[in-house]
Amino acid sequence: LTNFPSYQTVRDVLGVSFDGMPSAVEYLSKEEGAEAMLETVARAFSWHVRVNWNLRICWNTTPPLSFLHLASTLQPDLTGEIWIQRAAELETLFRRLFRAYQEIWVGQIFWHTQQRLCLPVLARSPEGVTDNRLLVCDARGELLEEVARVRKLAPKTIAGVRPVEETATVHFEAALYQTPHLSMESMQSWRKFFEVNKERSLKAALNHLLTESLAVWHQHGEMLETTHDLMTLYRRQAGLETPDLTRETVKHRIDRLVQSAYFLSDLEIETTDSEMTFRVRGHEAVTCPHPAEALYTALVDVGQPVVCRVSPGRLTADNLLVDAQCHLWPTDFAKAGQTPQWWDFVCLEAILRFDLSTTTYSMDWYTFESCLVKPHKLHERLRKRDVLPALRTNITLIEQVRKQASKETSPNVLPYYAGLLVWVVAAIVEYNIQLPPTPTERMRAVHLLLAAAMLAQRLQENIVSSPERRGGTLRLDEEGQVFIGESRLTDALTRQEHRLLQCLYQQPGQTVSRQTIVKEVFEEAYRQEDEQLQSRINALVRRVRQKIEPDPTHPRYLVTVKGRGYRLHLDGNG
């Protein structure tokens, strides 16, 4: 094989597969000898050829599923002979994955996304022992890497869903997850559970998710993000930080969704480049900032750096599963990893707010959203008296989510609202409305647009987003927050920038030398001949001016005293 430099070249030369199986290729050194070669061959056979052809496969569904159905769910464009071949490949995948079992019963698909699905499997061993498993199958070639990441990130003490086996064929990958408290008979999605259960059971299931299933992930690891601001991290998490999604593209998709609401008799929506206006019949018009503008201009100060925690991945009404004990578990780990500490709570509220709520009148959505954006603290009680009775359970559960979010993060509501705005805009961007739209689609469009606009308005009310709008006395409070006039500075200062401002703030109106700044801010010895050190001081001052001055080229607060140092004028009259 010495003439073939790569693994893929060797595989291509050896030829295509037998029954969907590719050639098994392994490399070893000649110095290892014949024994090592035999061991390698045996290992290759155990991995590539170990298929349980005697496995009995039963479909516990009505109507019965089939491998043809699963193949078309994973790859909808399949037709003809290729479709049949992929179905056969899926069967081989199942027979390899369950090679230690005698028979399996495959249940109804729980959830599926683009080229991925999840379904329950009851497996029985030759000794008669039964195991409940969740099987996740993927056609994108990302599942094995995901399983490795979950094994690394998942808390070792977690008693919930965890990977136990994985394998792959040419076009598919699959993983088995053990489910200690989940059985094929009792498992149901959060969506179905929500539809048929009363508030008490819903609160119990949600409490388990918040205090057990998610909490152990959040406590497992914490990371301080110093490179990106919160809104950038949110947009990246929601899939909005891509080259093809510019501000103009997002605005176009929002405006396109507005067109679908024109047919509603009780509502009119108008948009400009910077605003969105709603006119509900019988009520005054409401004008809000355009959500696309808020998405890219809102600066939410959460301090530096941003705290990120381990998340189990995507949370939806369909991939959260409830067991017989009213325990709620995440099952889609496609995006498991570090996320801003508010993100999982934002996703849970979004499920309750948009996916599990329904009404047929625009005014009901307006009242509902008005109730949800009023609080100034996360743990505040929501005033639901005017909300449609059918939506009050949703409000109660959202209160439950927010209280836990406040406990784990902070009572500050602005980073939470910012996350919700990003989630809603992402939902609008992805929303594929059919033409002509159904009444249900129109109402969902209205709800998303109302929520996005009202969240944008709420953020604008609390955030001074540009230096030109600032004015008044500069002050630092006991918690280190920076205010100019009555407005809190929202251009988040880094730790070093904050230390410089604090150093100057302790001696207002007095000249602070560069030597003092180096000693107190950099904690280094001053060296006047060190050009790099002098450049660091200049750059630090320049960055602070960019964030506090109306015009950084003509500073009024942080002024230079030539040849001596710097002076901070709290009144801005420097």
Foldseek 3Di string as FASTA:
>chain_A
DVVQDDPVSVQVVVHQDDLQATDQDDDDDVVVDDVVVVVVVVVSCLFRPLFQPQEAEAEPEVVGDALLNVLCLLPVPDDDPVSVSNSSVVVRQVRNQLVQFRYKYWYDWLDDDHNKTKTWMWTAGPVGDIFIKIKIKGQPPCVVVLLVVCVVQPDPPAPAWHWDDKGDTDGMIMTIIGGPQAHNVFKHFLLVCLVPDDLVLNLLQLVLCLVHQWVRQQVRDKDWDAPDAQLCLLCVLLVQPDPVRDLVNLLVLLVVLLVLLPPDPQWHWDDDPFWIWIHGPPDDIDIFTQLSCLSPQQFAAPAHTFMWTWGQDDDARRQFMAGPVSHTHGDDNSPTDIGGLLQVLLRVLCRLLQVNDDDLDLVLLLLVLVQVLPDQWLLDQTDCPVHDPRSVSSSVVNNVSSVSSCVVRNRGCLSSLSSNLSNLSSCSSPDDADVNHDSRSSSSSSNSSSNNRVSNRSSVVQADRAQLPFAFFWDADPVLFIHGPNHTQRPHDHPLLSQQVVVQRVPAPDFDFPQNSCCRRVVDGDDPVPPVSVVVVVVSVLVNLRRNANDSVDFQAWDADPPGHIHGHRNSHD
